[in-house]
Amino acid sequence: MFKLLKTFRVVYETKNFSKAAVHLFISQPAVSNQIKQLEEELDIQLFVRNGRQEVITTKQADILYHHLLNLSDDWEDVLQALRVQTLPRETCRIIASNSFAVYYLPELMVQLIQQFPQVSFVLEMDNSEQVLDRIEKHQAHFGFIEKPLITDSILREEIISDELVHAGDFSTALWLVREDNSGVFHYTERYFLEHNLNPQKMIIKNNEMIVRCLEQGIGQSIISKKALTKKIKWQSLSQEYQRSFYFIKRPHIESVQLRKIDGYIKQYYKNKVK
């Protein structure tokens, strides 16, 4: 039926059997036979032959044609959806350090999921050292870290900067501090040295837990400005508290699809900093 409808559409648009035959790469008698078959199946007359190859459309043909335009668009959508579903799905494993995973990765994933619907993404979170180790051991394809770590087997590219701020209840003696292998820990220790502080500390191994504590009025901390909520008081720090995030990967990516993802991520962040 779709073959007959395609022939009908071309004849309707050209108003000529010979021109339709050229367009469809079939013979003129084949065009005539297909139109005749469609008319018999629908039990209507679609064209009035004028004795030459030219034809006049009937009212029924006008109705069918306009419905067929919508049907053709819908059918193309169906075919595209089927093609996506039948393509072999590839897995892309992305691992990121805590701050990047929580505050930056989700907005990137919106774009990646839209651009690569045939890819299954797996997301993981760990500290920067473990992210680097997992990439080296081929346990993940791409990584994002907040420390300038590098090895001979890894390519690293700075992609975006992140502003750290002083947040929370400034009158309290309690400081909420990440563990010593966290990227923020270094900046917190710098702040203590600059201000000659040796405060009471609570070690919290998760940014979101620190944010929730600050919202409840518990302690003060050095956190990413991206983590702030309306409930948290904060103040800016110097340029020394601007840190960078880095995109890391292995030098050789065999998969064509993964190479496309690699290129898309780099371009995404180039556009962000313009």
C-alpha atoms as a PDB file:
ATOM      1  CA  MET A   1       0.000   0.000   0.000  1.00  0.00           C
ATOM      2  CA  PHE A   2       2.811   2.454   0.828  1.00  0.00           C
ATOM      3  CA  LYS A   3       4.328   1.838  -2.590  1.00  0.00           C
ATOM      4  CA  LEU A   4       1.022   2.681  -4.260  1.00  0.00           C
ATOM      5  CA  LEU A   5       0.577   5.790  -2.134  1.00  0.00           C
ATOM      6  CA  LYS A   6       4.075   6.973  -3.020  1.00  0.00           C
ATOM      7  CA  THR A   7       3.269   6.617  -6.711  1.00  0.00           C
ATOM      8  CA  PHE A   8      -0.022   8.447  -6.198  1.00  0.00           C
ATOM      9  CA  ARG A   9       1.755  11.354  -4.503  1.00  0.00           C
ATOM     10  CA  VAL A  10       4.216  11.790  -7.369  1.00  0.00           C
ATOM     11  CA  VAL A  11       1.473  11.609 -10.010  1.00  0.00           C
ATOM     12  CA  TYR A  12      -0.622  14.101  -8.048  1.00  0.00           C
ATOM     13  CA  GLU A  13       2.280  16.550  -7.819  1.00  0.00           C
ATOM     14  CA  THR A  14       3.404  16.210 -11.460  1.00  0.00           C
ATOM     15  CA  LYS A  15      -0.072  15.792 -12.994  1.00  0.00           C
ATOM     16  CA  ASN A  16       1.649  13.632 -15.590  1.00  0.00           C
ATOM     17  CA  PHE A  17       2.208   9.864 -15.761  1.00  0.00           C
ATOM     18  CA  SER A  18       5.380  10.128 -17.853  1.00  0.00           C
ATOM     19  CA  LYS A  19       7.013  12.649 -15.513  1.00  0.00           C
ATOM     20  CA  ALA A  20       6.022  10.521 -12.538  1.00  0.00           C
ATOM     21  CA  ALA A  21       7.619   7.478 -14.167  1.00  0.00           C
ATOM     22  CA  VAL A  22      10.901   9.363 -14.653  1.00  0.00           C
ATOM     23  CA  HIS A  23      10.840  10.558 -11.054  1.00  0.00           C
ATOM     24  CA  LEU A  24      10.138   7.063  -9.707  1.00  0.00           C
ATOM     25  CA  PHE A  25      12.574   5.301 -12.078  1.00  0.00           C
ATOM     26  CA  ILE A  26       9.872   2.958 -13.356  1.00  0.00           C
ATOM     27  CA  SER A  27       8.003   2.653 -16.658  1.00  0.00           C
ATOM     28  CA  GLN A  28       4.939   4.697 -17.524  1.00  0.00           C
ATOM     29  CA  PRO A  29       2.738   1.562 -17.784  1.00  0.00           C
ATOM     30  CA  ALA A  30       3.890   0.585 -14.282  1.00  0.00           C
ATOM     31  CA  VAL A  31       2.726   3.964 -12.985  1.00  0.00           C
ATOM     32  CA  SER A  32      -0.652   3.528 -14.691  1.00  0.00           C
ATOM     33  CA  ASN A  33      -1.063   0.020 -13.273  1.00  0.00           C
ATOM     34  CA  GLN A  34      -0.219   1.131  -9.733  1.00  0.00           C
ATOM     35  CA  ILE A  35      -2.691   4.015  -9.855  1.00  0.00           C
ATOM     36  CA  LYS A  36      -5.351   1.673 -11.230  1.00  0.00           C
ATOM     37  CA  GLN A  37      -4.645  -0.814  -8.430  1.00  0.00           C
ATOM     38  CA  LEU A  38      -4.913   1.925  -5.793  1.00  0.00           C
ATOM     39  CA  GLU A  39      -8.214   3.158  -7.243  1.00  0.00           C
ATOM     40  CA  GLU A  40      -9.591  -0.387  -7.155  1.00  0.00           C
ATOM     41  CA  GLU A  41      -8.504  -0.937  -3.549  1.00  0.00           C
ATOM     42  CA  LEU A  42     -10.019   2.371  -2.417  1.00  0.00           C
ATOM     43  CA  ASP A  43     -13.007   2.034  -4.747  1.00  0.00           C
ATOM     44  CA  ILE A  44     -12.701   5.641  -5.909  1.00  0.00           C
ATOM     45  CA  GLN A  45     -11.474   7.527  -8.969  1.00  0.00           C
ATOM     46  CA  LEU A  46      -8.355   9.578  -8.302  1.00  0.00           C
ATOM     47  CA  PHE A  47      -7.509  10.968 -11.727  1.00  0.00           C
ATOM     48  CA  VAL A  48      -9.339  11.842 -14.930  1.00  0.00           C
ATOM     49  CA  ARG A  49      -7.243  10.882 -17.970  1.00  0.00           C
ATOM     50  CA  ASN A  50      -7.447  13.412 -20.779  1.00  0.00           C
ATOM     51  CA  GLY A  51      -6.164  11.081 -23.500  1.00  0.00           C
ATOM     52  CA  ARG A  52      -2.563  12.198 -23.164  1.00  0.00           C
ATOM     53  CA  GLN A  53      -0.208  11.477 -20.262  1.00  0.00           C
ATOM     54  CA  GLU A  54      -1.524  14.470 -18.330  1.00  0.00           C
ATOM     55  CA  VAL A  55      -4.245  13.937 -15.723  1.00  0.00           C
ATOM     56  CA  ILE A  56      -6.777  15.984 -13.786  1.00  0.00           C
ATOM     57  CA  THR A  57      -7.157  15.295 -10.067  1.00  0.00           C
ATOM     58  CA  THR A  58     -10.536  14.483  -8.564  1.00  0.00           C
ATOM     59  CA  LYS A  59     -11.907  15.816  -5.275  1.00  0.00           C
ATOM     60  CA  GLN A  60     -11.169  12.431  -3.691  1.00  0.00           C
ATOM     61  CA  ALA A  61      -7.544  12.725  -4.855  1.00  0.00           C
ATOM     62  CA  ASP A  62      -7.284  16.170  -3.230  1.00  0.00           C
ATOM     63  CA  ILE A  63      -8.524  14.776   0.079  1.00  0.00           C
ATOM     64  CA  LEU A  64      -6.199  11.759  -0.074  1.00  0.00           C
ATOM     65  CA  TYR A  65      -3.183  13.892  -0.960  1.00  0.00           C
ATOM     66  CA  HIS A  66      -3.557  16.270   1.978  1.00  0.00           C
ATOM     67  CA  HIS A  67      -3.972  13.395   4.424  1.00  0.00           C
ATOM     68  CA  LEU A  68      -1.036  11.623   2.817  1.00  0.00           C
ATOM     69  CA  LEU A  69       1.278  14.563   3.537  1.00  0.00           C
ATOM     70  CA  ASN A  70       0.682  14.170   7.261  1.00  0.00           C
ATOM     71  CA  LEU A  71       0.923  10.396   6.998  1.00  0.00           C
ATOM     72  CA  SER A  72       4.286  10.632   5.229  1.00  0.00           C
ATOM     73  CA  ASP A  73       5.740  12.818   7.964  1.00  0.00           C
ATOM     74  CA  ASP A  74       4.449  10.477  10.663  1.00  0.00           C
ATOM     75  CA  TRP A  75       5.818   7.461   8.802  1.00  0.00           C
ATOM     76  CA  GLU A  76       9.287   9.020   8.576  1.00  0.00           C
ATOM     77  CA  ASP A  77       9.183   9.594  12.331  1.00  0.00           C
ATOM     78  CA  VAL A  78       8.265   5.941  12.846  1.00  0.00           C
ATOM     79  CA  LEU A  79      11.095   4.757  10.589  1.00  0.00           C
ATOM     80  CA  GLN A  80      13.604   6.985  12.389  1.00  0.00           C
ATOM     81  CA  ALA A  81      12.494   5.658  15.766  1.00  0.00           C
ATOM     82  CA  LEU A  82      12.819   2.087  14.505  1.00  0.00           C
ATOM     83  CA  ARG A  83      16.306   2.756  13.135  1.00  0.00           C
ATOM     84  CA  VAL A  84      17.426   4.120  16.498  1.00  0.00           C
ATOM     85  CA  GLN A  85      16.009   1.102  18.298  1.00  0.00           C
ATOM     86  CA  THR A  86      17.597  -1.434  15.963  1.00  0.00           C
ATOM     87  CA  LEU A  87      21.088   0.092  16.026  1.00  0.00           C
ATOM     88  CA  PRO A  88      23.425  -1.781  18.375  1.00  0.00           C
ATOM     89  CA  ARG A  89      23.548   0.191  21.633  1.00  0.00           C
ATOM     90  CA  GLU A  90      26.962   1.187  22.889  1.00  0.00           C
ATOM     91  CA  THR A  91      27.845   1.885  26.503  1.00  0.00           C
ATOM     92  CA  CYS A  92      29.687   5.036  27.529  1.00  0.00           C
ATOM     93  CA  ARG A  93      30.921   5.042  31.125  1.00  0.00           C
ATOM     94  CA  ILE A  94      31.611   8.468  32.645  1.00  0.00           C
ATOM     95  CA  ILE A  95      33.139   8.958  36.088  1.00  0.00           C
ATOM     96  CA  ALA A  96      33.478  12.308  37.846  1.00  0.00           C
ATOM     97  CA  SER A  97      34.702  13.773  41.114  1.00  0.00           C
ATOM     98  CA  ASN A  98      32.065  14.795  43.633  1.00  0.00           C
ATOM     99  CA  SER A  99      31.618  18.497  42.848  1.00  0.00           C
ATOM    100  CA  PHE A 100      31.601  18.058  39.095  1.00  0.00           C
ATOM    101  CA  ALA A 101      29.273  15.049  39.289  1.00  0.00           C
ATOM    102  CA  VAL A 102      26.695  16.923  41.358  1.00  0.00           C
ATOM    103  CA  TYR A 103      26.836  20.475  39.970  1.00  0.00           C
ATOM    104  CA  TYR A 104      28.056  20.228  36.365  1.00  0.00           C
ATOM    105  CA  LEU A 105      27.589  16.735  34.951  1.00  0.00           C
ATOM    106  CA  PRO A 106      23.750  16.743  34.917  1.00  0.00           C
ATOM    107  CA  GLU A 107      23.543  19.729  32.533  1.00  0.00           C
ATOM    108  CA  LEU A 108      26.088  18.069  30.233  1.00  0.00           C
ATOM    109  CA  MET A 109      24.109  14.818  30.281  1.00  0.00           C
ATOM    110  CA  VAL A 110      20.982  16.596  29.031  1.00  0.00           C
ATOM    111  CA  GLN A 111      22.892  17.364  25.837  1.00  0.00           C
ATOM    112  CA  LEU A 112      24.653  14.003  25.516  1.00  0.00           C
ATOM    113  CA  ILE A 113      21.431  12.019  25.892  1.00  0.00           C
ATOM    114  CA  GLN A 114      19.760  14.167  23.250  1.00  0.00           C
ATOM    115  CA  GLN A 115      22.687  14.006  20.822  1.00  0.00           C
ATOM    116  CA  PHE A 116      23.437  10.291  21.263  1.00  0.00           C
ATOM    117  CA  PRO A 117      20.100   8.473  21.798  1.00  0.00           C
ATOM    118  CA  GLN A 118      21.613   5.129  20.740  1.00  0.00           C
ATOM    119  CA  VAL A 119      24.210   5.227  23.549  1.00  0.00           C
ATOM    120  CA  SER A 120      23.643   3.841  27.048  1.00  0.00           C
ATOM    121  CA  PHE A 121      25.385   6.114  29.552  1.00  0.00           C
ATOM    122  CA  VAL A 122      26.648   4.897  32.922  1.00  0.00           C
ATOM    123  CA  LEU A 123      27.578   7.568  35.490  1.00  0.00           C
ATOM    124  CA  GLU A 124      29.772   7.096  38.551  1.00  0.00           C
ATOM    125  CA  MET A 125      31.253   9.361  41.222  1.00  0.00           C
ATOM    126  CA  ASP A 126      34.567   9.112  43.095  1.00  0.00           C
ATOM    127  CA  ASN A 127      37.463  11.306  44.216  1.00  0.00           C
ATOM    128  CA  SER A 128      39.884  12.683  41.622  1.00  0.00           C
ATOM    129  CA  GLU A 129      42.599  10.096  42.280  1.00  0.00           C
ATOM    130  CA  GLN A 130      40.179   7.224  41.815  1.00  0.00           C
ATOM    131  CA  VAL A 131      38.727   8.790  38.678  1.00  0.00           C
ATOM    132  CA  LEU A 132      42.206   8.951  37.161  1.00  0.00           C
ATOM    133  CA  ASP A 133      42.934   5.380  38.225  1.00  0.00           C
ATOM    134  CA  ARG A 134      39.683   4.069  36.725  1.00  0.00           C
ATOM    135  CA  ILE A 135      40.396   5.746  33.385  1.00  0.00           C
ATOM    136  CA  GLU A 136      43.927   4.305  33.323  1.00  0.00           C
ATOM    137  CA  LYS A 137      42.594   0.818  34.045  1.00  0.00           C
ATOM    138  CA  HIS A 138      40.013   1.054  31.218  1.00  0.00           C
ATOM    139  CA  GLN A 139      37.168   0.893  33.752  1.00  0.00           C
ATOM    140  CA  ALA A 140      35.608   4.091  32.382  1.00  0.00           C
ATOM    141  CA  HIS A 141      35.807   5.967  29.093  1.00  0.00           C
ATOM    142  CA  PHE A 142      35.795   9.602  30.206  1.00  0.00           C
ATOM    143  CA  GLY A 143      36.507  11.330  33.505  1.00  0.00           C
ATOM    144  CA  PHE A 144      36.148  14.743  35.130  1.00  0.00           C
ATOM    145  CA  ILE A 145      38.429  15.746  37.998  1.00  0.00           C
ATOM    146  CA  GLU A 146      39.003  18.818  40.182  1.00  0.00           C
ATOM    147  CA  LYS A 147      42.725  18.280  40.746  1.00  0.00           C
ATOM    148  CA  PRO A 148      45.406  18.811  38.056  1.00  0.00           C
ATOM    149  CA  LEU A 149      46.426  15.147  38.123  1.00  0.00           C
ATOM    150  CA  ILE A 150      48.149  13.614  35.120  1.00  0.00           C
ATOM    151  CA  THR A 151      50.052  10.487  34.078  1.00  0.00           C
ATOM    152  CA  ASP A 152      51.871   9.461  30.903  1.00  0.00           C
ATOM    153  CA  SER A 153      48.922   7.343  29.774  1.00  0.00           C
ATOM    154  CA  ILE A 154      46.219   9.992  30.213  1.00  0.00           C
ATOM    155  CA  LEU A 155      45.275  13.121  28.271  1.00  0.00           C
ATOM    156  CA  ARG A 156      44.022  16.026  30.373  1.00  0.00           C
ATOM    157  CA  GLU A 157      42.251  19.203  29.264  1.00  0.00           C
ATOM    158  CA  GLU A 158      41.089  22.112  31.408  1.00  0.00           C
ATOM    159  CA  ILE A 159      37.443  22.740  30.569  1.00  0.00           C
ATOM    160  CA  ILE A 160      35.792  25.063  33.076  1.00  0.00           C
ATOM    161  CA  SER A 161      36.491  27.081  36.229  1.00  0.00           C
ATOM    162  CA  ASP A 162      34.571  26.906  39.498  1.00  0.00           C
ATOM    163  CA  GLU A 163      34.343  29.639  42.131  1.00  0.00           C
ATOM    164  CA  LEU A 164      34.674  28.632  45.776  1.00  0.00           C
ATOM    165  CA  VAL A 165      33.027  30.772  48.460  1.00  0.00           C
ATOM    166  CA  HIS A 166      32.947  31.029  52.252  1.00  0.00           C
ATOM    167  CA  ALA A 167      29.465  29.942  53.349  1.00  0.00           C
ATOM    168  CA  GLY A 168      27.415  29.244  56.467  1.00  0.00           C
ATOM    169  CA  ASP A 169      27.172  30.694  59.976  1.00  0.00           C
ATOM    170  CA  PHE A 170      30.288  32.861  60.301  1.00  0.00           C
ATOM    171  CA  SER A 171      29.825  33.241  64.065  1.00  0.00           C
ATOM    172  CA  THR A 172      30.203  29.542  64.836  1.00  0.00           C
ATOM    173  CA  ALA A 173      33.514  27.880  65.726  1.00  0.00           C
ATOM    174  CA  LEU A 174      32.601  24.699  63.855  1.00  0.00           C
ATOM    175  CA  TRP A 175      33.910  24.122  60.329  1.00  0.00           C
ATOM    176  CA  LEU A 176      32.519  21.495  57.966  1.00  0.00           C
ATOM    177  CA  VAL A 177      35.476  20.060  56.073  1.00  0.00           C
ATOM    178  CA  ARG A 178      35.829  17.537  53.266  1.00  0.00           C
ATOM    179  CA  GLU A 179      38.237  14.589  53.652  1.00  0.00           C
ATOM    180  CA  ASP A 180      41.909  15.199  52.903  1.00  0.00           C
ATOM    181  CA  ASN A 181      41.834  13.613  49.419  1.00  0.00           C
ATOM    182  CA  SER A 182      39.024  15.906  48.297  1.00  0.00           C
ATOM    183  CA  GLY A 183      39.737  18.724  45.872  1.00  0.00           C
ATOM    184  CA  VAL A 184      38.182  21.307  48.210  1.00  0.00           C
ATOM    185  CA  PHE A 185      40.301  20.225  51.197  1.00  0.00           C
ATOM    186  CA  HIS A 186      43.398  21.976  49.809  1.00  0.00           C
ATOM    187  CA  TYR A 187      41.534  25.295  49.551  1.00  0.00           C
ATOM    188  CA  THR A 188      40.062  24.929  53.040  1.00  0.00           C
ATOM    189  CA  GLU A 189      43.524  24.365  54.510  1.00  0.00           C
ATOM    190  CA  ARG A 190      44.807  27.407  52.611  1.00  0.00           C
ATOM    191  CA  TYR A 191      42.031  29.500  54.144  1.00  0.00           C
ATOM    192  CA  PHE A 192      42.958  28.298  57.642  1.00  0.00           C
ATOM    193  CA  LEU A 193      46.614  29.219  57.078  1.00  0.00           C
ATOM    194  CA  GLU A 194      45.771  32.639  55.631  1.00  0.00           C
ATOM    195  CA  HIS A 195      43.576  33.471  58.625  1.00  0.00           C
ATOM    196  CA  ASN A 196      45.705  31.704  61.248  1.00  0.00           C
ATOM    197  CA  LEU A 197      42.843  29.373  62.202  1.00  0.00           C
ATOM    198  CA  ASN A 198      42.885  26.048  64.009  1.00  0.00           C
ATOM    199  CA  PRO A 199      39.131  25.510  64.301  1.00  0.00           C
ATOM    200  CA  GLN A 200      36.881  22.743  65.494  1.00  0.00           C
ATOM    201  CA  LYS A 201      36.244  20.504  62.482  1.00  0.00           C
ATOM    202  CA  MET A 202      33.583  18.061  61.380  1.00  0.00           C
ATOM    203  CA  ILE A 203      34.745  15.820  58.503  1.00  0.00           C
ATOM    204  CA  ILE A 204      31.966  15.226  55.969  1.00  0.00           C
ATOM    205  CA  LYS A 205      32.690  13.134  52.880  1.00  0.00           C
ATOM    206  CA  ASN A 206      29.911  14.481  50.697  1.00  0.00           C
ATOM    207  CA  ASN A 207      29.160  17.953  49.350  1.00  0.00           C
ATOM    208  CA  GLU A 208      25.401  17.558  49.580  1.00  0.00           C
ATOM    209  CA  MET A 209      25.621  16.666  53.275  1.00  0.00           C
ATOM    210  CA  ILE A 210      27.656  19.816  53.890  1.00  0.00           C
ATOM    211  CA  VAL A 211      25.070  21.915  52.044  1.00  0.00           C
ATOM    212  CA  ARG A 212      22.195  20.420  54.057  1.00  0.00           C
ATOM    213  CA  CYS A 213      24.041  21.088  57.320  1.00  0.00           C
ATOM    214  CA  LEU A 214      24.705  24.689  56.306  1.00  0.00           C
ATOM    215  CA  GLU A 215      21.010  25.114  55.496  1.00  0.00           C
ATOM    216  CA  GLN A 216      20.224  24.037  59.067  1.00  0.00           C
ATOM    217  CA  GLY A 217      22.630  26.614  60.474  1.00  0.00           C
ATOM    218  CA  ILE A 218      25.316  24.069  61.331  1.00  0.00           C
ATOM    219  CA  GLY A 219      28.863  25.381  60.925  1.00  0.00           C
ATOM    220  CA  GLN A 220      30.646  27.131  58.083  1.00  0.00           C
ATOM    221  CA  SER A 221      32.569  25.802  55.109  1.00  0.00           C
ATOM    222  CA  ILE A 222      34.378  26.479  51.840  1.00  0.00           C
ATOM    223  CA  ILE A 223      32.094  25.240  49.056  1.00  0.00           C
ATOM    224  CA  SER A 224      31.397  25.718  45.368  1.00  0.00           C
ATOM    225  CA  LYS A 225      29.250  28.727  44.562  1.00  0.00           C
ATOM    226  CA  LYS A 226      27.175  26.345  42.411  1.00  0.00           C
ATOM    227  CA  ALA A 227      26.198  24.502  45.613  1.00  0.00           C
ATOM    228  CA  LEU A 228      24.639  27.529  47.324  1.00  0.00           C
ATOM    229  CA  THR A 229      20.941  27.646  48.119  1.00  0.00           C
ATOM    230  CA  LYS A 230      18.807  30.622  49.176  1.00  0.00           C
ATOM    231  CA  LYS A 231      19.042  29.549  52.823  1.00  0.00           C
ATOM    232  CA  ILE A 232      22.841  29.784  52.989  1.00  0.00           C
ATOM    233  CA  LYS A 233      24.737  33.001  53.733  1.00  0.00           C
ATOM    234  CA  TRP A 234      27.999  33.407  51.853  1.00  0.00           C
ATOM    235  CA  GLN A 235      30.787  35.760  50.926  1.00  0.00           C
ATOM    236  CA  SER A 236      33.212  35.859  48.031  1.00  0.00           C
ATOM    237  CA  LEU A 237      36.873  34.909  48.297  1.00  0.00           C
ATOM    238  CA  SER A 238      39.939  36.012  46.337  1.00  0.00           C
ATOM    239  CA  GLN A 239      40.924  34.816  42.862  1.00  0.00           C
ATOM    240  CA  GLU A 240      43.110  32.217  44.583  1.00  0.00           C
ATOM    241  CA  TYR A 241      39.902  30.310  45.273  1.00  0.00           C
ATOM    242  CA  GLN A 242      39.019  29.841  41.623  1.00  0.00           C
ATOM    243  CA  ARG A 243      39.670  26.210  40.766  1.00  0.00           C
ATOM    244  CA  SER A 244      39.568  24.347  37.469  1.00  0.00           C
ATOM    245  CA  PHE A 245      37.859  21.166  36.390  1.00  0.00           C
ATOM    246  CA  TYR A 246      39.607  18.849  33.954  1.00  0.00           C
ATOM    247  CA  PHE A 247      38.394  16.402  31.313  1.00  0.00           C
ATOM    248  CA  ILE A 248      40.534  13.251  31.125  1.00  0.00           C
ATOM    249  CA  LYS A 249      40.636  10.251  28.809  1.00  0.00           C
ATOM    250  CA  ARG A 250      42.984   7.712  27.290  1.00  0.00           C
ATOM    251  CA  PRO A 251      44.823   8.797  24.105  1.00  0.00           C
ATOM    252  CA  HIS A 252      43.331   6.155  21.824  1.00  0.00           C
ATOM    253  CA  ILE A 253      39.572   5.722  21.453  1.00  0.00           C
ATOM    254  CA  GLU A 254      38.714   2.909  19.052  1.00  0.00           C
ATOM    255  CA  SER A 255      34.944   3.366  18.933  1.00  0.00           C
ATOM    256  CA  VAL A 256      33.625   5.847  16.370  1.00  0.00           C
ATOM    257  CA  GLN A 257      30.689   6.664  18.631  1.00  0.00           C
ATOM    258  CA  LEU A 258      32.911   7.346  21.631  1.00  0.00           C
ATOM    259  CA  ARG A 259      35.148   9.577  19.512  1.00  0.00           C
ATOM    260  CA  LYS A 260      32.067  11.596  18.584  1.00  0.00           C
ATOM    261  CA  ILE A 261      31.140  11.917  22.262  1.00  0.00           C
ATOM    262  CA  ASP A 262      34.704  12.989  23.062  1.00  0.00           C
ATOM    263  CA  GLY A 263      34.540  15.706  20.410  1.00  0.00           C
ATOM    264  CA  TYR A 264      31.097  16.842  21.520  1.00  0.00           C
ATOM    265  CA  ILE A 265      32.182  17.239  25.164  1.00  0.00           C
ATOM    266  CA  LYS A 266      35.194  19.353  24.189  1.00  0.00           C
ATOM    267  CA  GLN A 267      33.127  21.589  21.911  1.00  0.00           C
ATOM    268  CA  TYR A 268      30.403  21.914  24.552  1.00  0.00           C
ATOM    269  CA  TYR A 269      32.819  23.427  27.054  1.00  0.00           C
ATOM    270  CA  LYS A 270      34.559  25.583  24.462  1.00  0.00           C
ATOM    271  CA  ASN A 271      31.169  27.129  23.736  1.00  0.00           C
ATOM    272  CA  LYS A 272      30.493  27.565  27.471  1.00  0.00           C
ATOM    273  CA  VAL A 273      33.586  29.702  28.053  1.00  0.00           C
ATOM    274  CA  LYS A 274      33.074  31.970  25.017  1.00  0.00           C
END
